[in-house]
């Protein structure tokens, strides 16, 4: 009887310790994240893909209203990322932007590549690793935070 109780207690401890295991943010964040902003004429989408090799690539696109159909691009970037506590740090080392103020978007190949580009952004990871929020830098004018959601 004591042996059965002891085995049951050991099994219960093992099961409970597995259920309380922390998620690994490196693996949980791998995938595609997106923030869509609804507009009156079209929608804007900010998307980035986090890869297992430590690289990241992203884009800001304009889409047909209410659709995933991309009409054109406003920017693209590539770089690396790191995780510091509950923050995702994105280091952009290549980027191309829409530089003509007369257009809302252009084809990707018409974006202007920026030489020797280096920039970083910080995102706060929520407790369940299901949302990312852009962290506004000091003295940066930011709208209320909207979450990036994992779509893949």
N, C-alpha and C. Protein backbone atom coordinates (compact mmCIF):
# COMPACT_ATOMS: atom_id res chain seq x y z
N UNK A 1 0.82 -1.19 0.00
CA UNK A 1 0.00 0.00 0.00
C UNK A 1 0.87 1.26 0.00
N UNK A 2 1.92 1.25 0.87
CA UNK A 2 2.82 2.41 0.93
C UNK A 2 3.54 2.59 -0.40
N UNK A 3 3.87 1.50 -1.06
CA UNK A 3 4.55 1.57 -2.35
C UNK A 3 3.65 2.22 -3.40
N UNK A 4 2.37 1.88 -3.41
CA UNK A 4 1.42 2.47 -4.36
C UNK A 4 1.27 3.97 -4.13
N UNK A 5 1.17 4.37 -2.87
CA UNK A 5 1.04 5.78 -2.54
C UNK A 5 2.29 6.54 -2.94
N UNK A 6 3.45 5.96 -2.67
CA UNK A 6 4.71 6.59 -3.04
C UNK A 6 4.82 6.74 -4.56
N UNK A 7 4.48 5.68 -5.30
CA UNK A 7 4.50 5.75 -6.77
C UNK A 7 3.54 6.80 -7.29
N UNK A 8 2.35 6.87 -6.69
CA UNK A 8 1.35 7.86 -7.10
C UNK A 8 1.87 9.28 -6.85
N UNK A 9 2.46 9.52 -5.69
CA UNK A 9 3.01 10.84 -5.38
C UNK A 9 4.13 11.23 -6.33
N UNK A 10 5.03 10.31 -6.63
CA UNK A 10 6.11 10.59 -7.57
C UNK A 10 5.57 10.91 -8.96
N UNK A 11 4.57 10.15 -9.40
CA UNK A 11 3.96 10.39 -10.70
C UNK A 11 3.27 11.76 -10.72
N UNK A 12 2.56 12.10 -9.64
CA UNK A 12 1.89 13.40 -9.57
C UNK A 12 2.89 14.54 -9.61
N UNK A 13 4.00 14.41 -8.90
CA UNK A 13 5.03 15.45 -8.91
C UNK A 13 5.62 15.61 -10.31
N UNK A 14 5.87 14.50 -10.97
CA UNK A 14 6.42 14.54 -12.32
C UNK A 14 5.47 15.23 -13.28
N UNK A 15 4.18 14.89 -13.23
CA UNK A 15 3.19 15.49 -14.12
C UNK A 15 3.04 16.98 -13.84
N UNK A 16 2.96 17.35 -12.58
CA UNK A 16 2.81 18.77 -12.23
C UNK A 16 4.04 19.58 -12.61
N UNK A 17 5.21 19.03 -12.47
CA UNK A 17 6.42 19.78 -12.84
C UNK A 17 6.48 19.99 -14.34
N UNK A 18 5.99 19.07 -15.13
CA UNK A 18 5.96 19.25 -16.59
C UNK A 18 4.96 20.32 -16.99
N UNK A 19 3.82 20.38 -16.31
CA UNK A 19 2.79 21.36 -16.65
C UNK A 19 3.20 22.78 -16.27
N UNK A 20 4.06 22.94 -15.30
CA UNK A 20 4.49 24.26 -14.86
C UNK A 20 5.74 24.74 -15.59
N UNK A 21 6.20 23.97 -16.54
CA UNK A 21 7.41 24.30 -17.28
C UNK A 21 7.21 25.61 -18.03
N UNK A 22 8.16 26.53 -17.93
CA UNK A 22 8.08 27.80 -18.65
C UNK A 22 8.21 27.55 -20.14
N UNK A 23 7.49 28.36 -20.91
CA UNK A 23 7.65 28.30 -22.36
C UNK A 23 9.00 28.90 -22.71
N UNK A 24 9.61 28.38 -23.74
CA UNK A 24 10.87 28.91 -24.22
C UNK A 24 10.55 30.00 -25.24
N UNK A 25 10.78 31.29 -24.93
CA UNK A 25 10.39 32.35 -25.86
C UNK A 25 11.09 32.25 -27.21
N UNK A 26 12.32 31.73 -27.22
CA UNK A 26 13.02 31.59 -28.50
C UNK A 26 12.21 30.74 -29.46
N UNK A 27 11.67 29.63 -28.98
CA UNK A 27 10.89 28.73 -29.84
C UNK A 27 9.47 29.22 -30.03
N UNK A 28 8.88 29.82 -29.02
CA UNK A 28 7.49 30.28 -29.09
C UNK A 28 7.34 31.45 -30.07
N UNK A 29 8.35 32.28 -30.18
CA UNK A 29 8.25 33.46 -31.05
C UNK A 29 8.56 33.16 -32.52
N UNK A 30 9.10 31.99 -32.81
CA UNK A 30 9.41 31.63 -34.19
C UNK A 30 8.13 31.60 -35.00
N UNK A 31 8.13 32.29 -36.14
CA UNK A 31 6.95 32.32 -36.99
C UNK A 31 6.73 33.71 -37.56
N UNK A 32 5.52 33.92 -38.06
CA UNK A 32 5.15 35.18 -38.71
C UNK A 32 4.20 35.96 -37.82
N UNK A 33 4.52 37.23 -37.62
CA UNK A 33 3.74 38.14 -36.78
C UNK A 33 3.22 39.29 -37.62
N UNK A 34 2.02 39.78 -37.29
CA UNK A 34 1.42 40.80 -38.14
C UNK A 34 0.55 41.76 -37.34
N UNK A 35 0.57 43.01 -37.78
CA UNK A 35 -0.31 44.06 -37.27
C UNK A 35 -0.99 44.68 -38.49
N UNK A 36 -2.31 44.61 -38.54
CA UNK A 36 -3.07 45.18 -39.66
C UNK A 36 -3.80 46.41 -39.17
N UNK A 37 -3.68 47.49 -39.93
CA UNK A 37 -4.36 48.74 -39.64
C UNK A 37 -5.39 48.98 -40.73
N UNK A 38 -6.65 49.06 -40.34
CA UNK A 38 -7.74 49.27 -41.30
C UNK A 38 -7.79 50.73 -41.69
N UNK A 39 -7.84 50.97 -42.99
CA UNK A 39 -7.94 52.33 -43.50
C UNK A 39 -9.24 52.53 -44.25
N UNK A 40 -9.49 53.75 -44.69
CA UNK A 40 -10.73 54.03 -45.41
C UNK A 40 -10.68 53.54 -46.86
N UNK A 41 -9.49 53.59 -47.48
CA UNK A 41 -9.36 53.16 -48.88
C UNK A 41 -8.67 51.81 -49.01
N UNK A 42 -7.72 51.54 -48.12
CA UNK A 42 -6.98 50.27 -48.13
C UNK A 42 -6.48 49.99 -46.72
N UNK A 43 -5.93 48.80 -46.52
CA UNK A 43 -5.40 48.40 -45.21
C UNK A 43 -3.88 48.40 -45.25
N UNK A 44 -3.27 48.73 -44.13
CA UNK A 44 -1.82 48.65 -43.99
C UNK A 44 -1.47 47.43 -43.15
N UNK A 45 -0.40 46.75 -43.50
CA UNK A 45 0.03 45.58 -42.74
C UNK A 45 1.52 45.67 -42.47
N UNK A 46 1.89 45.51 -41.22
CA UNK A 46 3.28 45.41 -40.81
C UNK A 46 3.50 43.96 -40.41
N UNK A 47 4.40 43.28 -41.11
CA UNK A 47 4.60 41.85 -40.93
C UNK A 47 6.07 41.56 -40.74
N UNK A 48 6.40 40.65 -39.83
CA UNK A 48 7.78 40.16 -39.78
C UNK A 48 7.80 38.68 -39.48
N UNK A 49 8.86 38.03 -39.99
CA UNK A 49 9.03 36.60 -39.83
C UNK A 49 10.30 36.33 -39.03
N UNK A 50 10.13 35.66 -37.90
CA UNK A 50 11.24 35.33 -37.02
C UNK A 50 11.66 33.89 -37.32
N UNK A 51 12.95 33.69 -37.63
CA UNK A 51 13.46 32.37 -38.01
C UNK A 51 14.28 31.76 -36.88
N UNK A 52 14.44 30.44 -36.93
CA UNK A 52 15.18 29.71 -35.90
C UNK A 52 16.67 30.04 -35.90
N UNK A 53 17.19 30.53 -37.02
CA UNK A 53 18.63 30.81 -37.11
C UNK A 53 19.01 32.18 -36.56
N UNK A 54 18.05 32.90 -35.94
CA UNK A 54 18.34 34.21 -35.37
C UNK A 54 18.12 35.36 -36.33
N UNK A 55 17.65 35.06 -37.53
CA UNK A 55 17.41 36.12 -38.50
C UNK A 55 15.93 36.52 -38.48
N UNK A 56 15.69 37.72 -39.01
CA UNK A 56 14.33 38.24 -39.09
C UNK A 56 14.21 39.06 -40.36
N UNK A 57 13.07 39.01 -40.99
CA UNK A 57 12.79 39.86 -42.15
C UNK A 57 11.38 40.38 -42.01
N UNK A 58 11.15 41.56 -42.56
CA UNK A 58 9.84 42.16 -42.40
C UNK A 58 9.50 43.10 -43.52
N UNK A 59 8.24 43.55 -43.50
CA UNK A 59 7.76 44.46 -44.55
C UNK A 59 6.55 45.22 -44.07
N UNK A 60 6.37 46.39 -44.64
CA UNK A 60 5.14 47.16 -44.48
C UNK A 60 4.50 47.23 -45.85
N UNK A 61 3.28 46.70 -45.92
CA UNK A 61 2.58 46.63 -47.21
C UNK A 61 1.24 47.35 -47.13
N UNK A 62 0.73 47.64 -48.29
CA UNK A 62 -0.62 48.16 -48.44
C UNK A 62 -1.43 47.07 -49.12
N UNK A 63 -2.60 46.79 -48.55
CA UNK A 63 -3.45 45.71 -49.06
C UNK A 63 -4.79 46.25 -49.52
N UNK A 64 -5.39 45.49 -50.40
CA UNK A 64 -6.75 45.77 -50.81
C UNK A 64 -7.62 45.70 -49.56
N UNK A 65 -8.51 46.66 -49.39
CA UNK A 65 -9.33 46.76 -48.18
C UNK A 65 -10.06 45.44 -47.90
N UNK A 66 -9.89 44.96 -46.66
CA UNK A 66 -10.56 43.73 -46.23
C UNK A 66 -10.01 42.46 -46.85
N UNK A 67 -8.80 42.53 -47.41
CA UNK A 67 -8.22 41.39 -48.12
C UNK A 67 -6.76 41.21 -47.73
N UNK A 68 -6.19 40.07 -48.06
CA UNK A 68 -4.76 39.84 -47.87
C UNK A 68 -3.98 40.17 -49.15
N UNK A 69 -4.68 40.60 -50.20
CA UNK A 69 -4.02 40.91 -51.48
C UNK A 69 -3.15 42.15 -51.34
N UNK A 70 -1.84 41.98 -51.57
CA UNK A 70 -0.88 43.08 -51.45
C UNK A 70 -0.93 43.94 -52.71
N UNK A 71 -1.18 45.24 -52.51
CA UNK A 71 -1.18 46.19 -53.62
C UNK A 71 0.23 46.74 -53.86
N UNK A 72 1.01 46.88 -52.80
CA UNK A 72 2.36 47.39 -52.93
C UNK A 72 3.04 47.48 -51.57
N UNK A 73 4.26 48.04 -51.60
CA UNK A 73 5.13 48.06 -50.42
C UNK A 73 5.47 49.49 -50.01
N UNK A 74 5.70 49.66 -48.71
CA UNK A 74 6.21 50.92 -48.18
C UNK A 74 7.63 50.74 -47.66
N UNK A 75 7.95 49.52 -47.19
CA UNK A 75 9.32 49.25 -46.73
C UNK A 75 9.52 47.75 -46.57
N UNK A 76 10.79 47.34 -46.59
CA UNK A 76 11.21 45.97 -46.29
C UNK A 76 12.49 46.06 -45.48
N UNK A 77 12.75 45.04 -44.66
CA UNK A 77 13.99 45.02 -43.90
C UNK A 77 14.41 43.58 -43.64
N UNK A 78 15.68 43.41 -43.27
CA UNK A 78 16.17 42.13 -42.78
C UNK A 78 17.20 42.44 -41.69
N UNK A 79 17.43 41.44 -40.84
CA UNK A 79 18.36 41.64 -39.75
C UNK A 79 18.39 40.45 -38.82
N UNK A 80 18.65 40.73 -37.56
CA UNK A 80 18.72 39.70 -36.53
C UNK A 80 17.85 40.12 -35.35
N UNK A 81 17.66 39.18 -34.41
CA UNK A 81 16.88 39.50 -33.23
C UNK A 81 17.51 38.84 -32.01
N UNK A 82 17.15 39.37 -30.85
CA UNK A 82 17.53 38.74 -29.59
C UNK A 82 16.37 38.92 -28.62
N UNK A 83 16.40 38.13 -27.56
CA UNK A 83 15.37 38.23 -26.54
C UNK A 83 16.05 38.57 -25.23
N UNK A 84 15.59 39.66 -24.61
CA UNK A 84 16.11 40.11 -23.33
C UNK A 84 14.94 40.19 -22.36
N UNK A 85 14.83 39.20 -21.49
CA UNK A 85 13.69 39.15 -20.57
C UNK A 85 12.40 39.04 -21.33
N UNK A 86 11.51 40.01 -21.15
CA UNK A 86 10.22 40.00 -21.85
C UNK A 86 10.24 40.95 -23.06
N UNK A 87 11.43 41.16 -23.62
CA UNK A 87 11.56 42.05 -24.78
C UNK A 87 12.18 41.33 -25.97
N UNK A 88 11.61 41.59 -27.14
CA UNK A 88 12.18 41.15 -28.41
C UNK A 88 12.90 42.36 -28.98
N UNK A 89 14.20 42.22 -29.25
CA UNK A 89 15.00 43.30 -29.82
C UNK A 89 15.29 42.94 -31.27
N UNK A 90 14.88 43.80 -32.19
CA UNK A 90 15.12 43.60 -33.61
C UNK A 90 16.22 44.55 -34.06
N UNK A 91 17.27 43.99 -34.65
CA UNK A 91 18.36 44.79 -35.22
C UNK A 91 18.21 44.73 -36.73
N UNK A 92 17.87 45.86 -37.32
CA UNK A 92 17.72 45.94 -38.77
C UNK A 92 19.05 46.36 -39.37
N UNK A 93 19.61 45.54 -40.28
CA UNK A 93 20.88 45.92 -40.91
C UNK A 93 20.77 46.08 -42.42
N UNK A 94 19.62 45.79 -42.99
CA UNK A 94 19.33 46.07 -44.40
C UNK A 94 17.91 46.57 -44.49
N UNK A 95 17.69 47.62 -45.27
CA UNK A 95 16.34 48.16 -45.39
C UNK A 95 16.18 48.90 -46.71
N UNK A 96 14.95 48.93 -47.18
CA UNK A 96 14.58 49.70 -48.36
C UNK A 96 13.23 50.35 -48.07
N UNK A 97 13.09 51.61 -48.47
CA UNK A 97 11.90 52.39 -48.14
C UNK A 97 11.31 53.08 -49.36
N UNK A 98 10.02 53.39 -49.23
CA UNK A 98 9.33 54.25 -50.19
C UNK A 98 9.80 55.67 -49.90
N UNK A 99 10.40 56.32 -50.88
CA UNK A 99 10.93 57.66 -50.65
C UNK A 99 10.18 58.75 -51.42
N UNK A 100 9.27 58.36 -52.31
CA UNK A 100 8.52 59.33 -53.08
C UNK A 100 7.23 59.67 -52.33
N UNK A 101 7.10 60.91 -51.82
CA UNK A 101 5.92 61.28 -51.03
C UNK A 101 4.62 61.34 -51.84
N UNK A 102 4.73 61.25 -53.15
CA UNK A 102 3.53 61.30 -54.00
C UNK A 102 2.81 59.95 -54.09
N UNK A 103 3.42 58.90 -53.57
CA UNK A 103 2.83 57.56 -53.65
C UNK A 103 2.59 56.99 -52.26
N UNK A 104 1.52 56.20 -52.13
CA UNK A 104 1.24 55.48 -50.88
C UNK A 104 1.98 54.16 -50.83
N UNK A 105 2.29 53.61 -52.00
CA UNK A 105 2.99 52.32 -52.10
C UNK A 105 3.57 52.17 -53.50
N UNK A 106 4.56 51.28 -53.61
CA UNK A 106 5.18 50.97 -54.91
C UNK A 106 5.47 49.47 -54.94
N UNK A 107 5.91 48.98 -56.11
CA UNK A 107 6.37 47.59 -56.20
C UNK A 107 7.64 47.45 -55.36
N UNK A 108 7.88 46.27 -54.86
CA UNK A 108 9.02 46.04 -53.96
C UNK A 108 10.34 46.48 -54.61
N UNK A 109 10.52 46.17 -55.89
CA UNK A 109 11.78 46.53 -56.56
C UNK A 109 11.96 48.03 -56.75
N UNK A 110 10.90 48.83 -56.53
CA UNK A 110 10.99 50.28 -56.65
C UNK A 110 11.28 50.98 -55.33
N UNK A 111 11.42 50.22 -54.25
CA UNK A 111 11.82 50.81 -52.97
C UNK A 111 13.28 51.23 -53.04
N UNK A 112 13.64 52.25 -52.28
CA UNK A 112 15.01 52.76 -52.27
C UNK A 112 15.80 52.08 -51.15
N UNK A 113 16.87 51.38 -51.53
CA UNK A 113 17.72 50.70 -50.56
C UNK A 113 18.58 51.73 -49.83
N UNK A 114 18.72 51.55 -48.52
CA UNK A 114 19.50 52.47 -47.69
C UNK A 114 20.86 51.83 -47.42
N UNK A 115 21.94 52.52 -47.82
CA UNK A 115 23.31 52.02 -47.60
C UNK A 115 23.68 52.11 -46.12
N UNK A 116 24.48 51.16 -45.65
CA UNK A 116 24.99 51.14 -44.27
C UNK A 116 23.89 51.38 -43.24
N UNK A 117 22.76 50.74 -43.43
CA UNK A 117 21.61 50.91 -42.55
C UNK A 117 21.80 50.12 -41.26
N UNK A 118 21.48 50.74 -40.14
CA UNK A 118 21.49 50.05 -38.85
C UNK A 118 20.48 50.74 -37.94
N UNK A 119 19.51 49.96 -37.48
CA UNK A 119 18.47 50.49 -36.59
C UNK A 119 18.00 49.35 -35.70
N UNK A 120 17.39 49.68 -34.61
CA UNK A 120 16.83 48.64 -33.75
C UNK A 120 15.46 49.05 -33.25
N UNK A 121 14.64 48.06 -32.97
CA UNK A 121 13.32 48.27 -32.40
C UNK A 121 13.14 47.30 -31.25
N UNK A 122 12.34 47.69 -30.29
CA UNK A 122 12.08 46.86 -29.11
C UNK A 122 10.58 46.59 -29.04
N UNK A 123 10.23 45.33 -28.80
CA UNK A 123 8.85 44.91 -28.64
C UNK A 123 8.70 44.20 -27.30
N UNK A 124 7.61 44.47 -26.60
CA UNK A 124 7.32 43.78 -25.35
C UNK A 124 6.52 42.53 -25.68
N UNK A 125 6.93 41.41 -25.07
CA UNK A 125 6.26 40.13 -25.27
C UNK A 125 5.26 39.96 -24.13
N UNK A 126 4.00 39.66 -24.43
CA UNK A 126 3.04 39.46 -23.34
C UNK A 126 3.31 38.13 -22.64
N UNK A 127 2.68 37.92 -21.50
CA UNK A 127 2.95 36.76 -20.65
C UNK A 127 2.70 35.41 -21.31
N UNK A 128 1.78 35.36 -22.27
CA UNK A 128 1.45 34.09 -22.92
C UNK A 128 2.17 33.91 -24.26
N UNK A 129 3.06 34.83 -24.60
CA UNK A 129 3.82 34.79 -25.86
C UNK A 129 2.89 34.79 -27.08
N UNK A 130 1.73 35.41 -26.96
CA UNK A 130 0.78 35.43 -28.06
C UNK A 130 0.65 36.80 -28.72
N UNK A 131 1.25 37.83 -28.09
CA UNK A 131 1.17 39.19 -28.64
C UNK A 131 2.51 39.89 -28.42
N UNK A 132 2.83 40.75 -29.36
CA UNK A 132 4.01 41.61 -29.27
C UNK A 132 3.54 43.05 -29.38
N UNK A 133 4.08 43.92 -28.53
CA UNK A 133 3.73 45.33 -28.55
C UNK A 133 4.98 46.16 -28.80
N UNK A 134 4.92 47.06 -29.78
CA UNK A 134 6.03 47.96 -30.05
C UNK A 134 6.27 48.82 -28.82
N UNK A 135 7.52 48.93 -28.40
CA UNK A 135 7.89 49.77 -27.26
C UNK A 135 8.35 51.12 -27.77
N UNK A 136 7.59 52.10 -27.47
CA UNK A 136 7.89 53.45 -27.91
C UNK A 136 9.13 53.97 -27.17
N UNK A 137 10.09 54.49 -27.92
CA UNK A 137 11.32 55.02 -27.32
C UNK A 137 11.02 56.35 -26.62
N UNK A 138 11.86 56.74 -25.66
CA UNK A 138 11.67 58.04 -25.01
C UNK A 138 11.66 59.16 -26.06
N UNK A 139 10.77 60.10 -25.86
CA UNK A 139 10.60 61.26 -26.76
C UNK A 139 10.10 60.89 -28.15
N UNK A 140 9.66 59.66 -28.35
CA UNK A 140 9.09 59.25 -29.64
C UNK A 140 7.58 59.41 -29.56
N UNK A 141 7.00 59.99 -30.58
CA UNK A 141 5.55 60.19 -30.62
C UNK A 141 4.91 58.90 -31.13
N UNK A 142 4.17 58.21 -30.27
CA UNK A 142 3.56 56.93 -30.62
C UNK A 142 2.07 56.95 -30.31
N UNK A 143 1.32 56.24 -31.13
CA UNK A 143 -0.10 56.07 -30.85
C UNK A 143 -0.25 54.96 -29.81
N UNK A 144 -1.44 54.80 -29.25
CA UNK A 144 -1.64 53.72 -28.27
C UNK A 144 -1.20 52.38 -28.85
N UNK A 145 -0.60 51.53 -28.04
CA UNK A 145 -0.05 50.27 -28.55
C UNK A 145 -1.13 49.32 -29.07
N UNK A 146 -0.85 48.76 -30.24
CA UNK A 146 -1.70 47.73 -30.83
C UNK A 146 -0.84 46.48 -30.96
N UNK A 147 -1.41 45.31 -30.73
CA UNK A 147 -0.58 44.10 -30.72
C UNK A 147 -0.31 43.52 -32.10
N UNK A 148 0.90 43.00 -32.25
CA UNK A 148 1.22 42.13 -33.36
C UNK A 148 0.75 40.74 -32.94
N UNK A 149 0.07 40.04 -33.82
CA UNK A 149 -0.43 38.70 -33.53
C UNK A 149 0.30 37.68 -34.39
N UNK A 150 0.51 36.51 -33.85
CA UNK A 150 1.18 35.45 -34.58
C UNK A 150 0.17 34.84 -35.55
N UNK A 151 0.52 34.82 -36.85
CA UNK A 151 -0.40 34.28 -37.86
C UNK A 151 0.07 32.95 -38.41
N UNK A 152 1.33 32.60 -38.20
CA UNK A 152 1.88 31.29 -38.65
C UNK A 152 2.89 30.82 -37.65
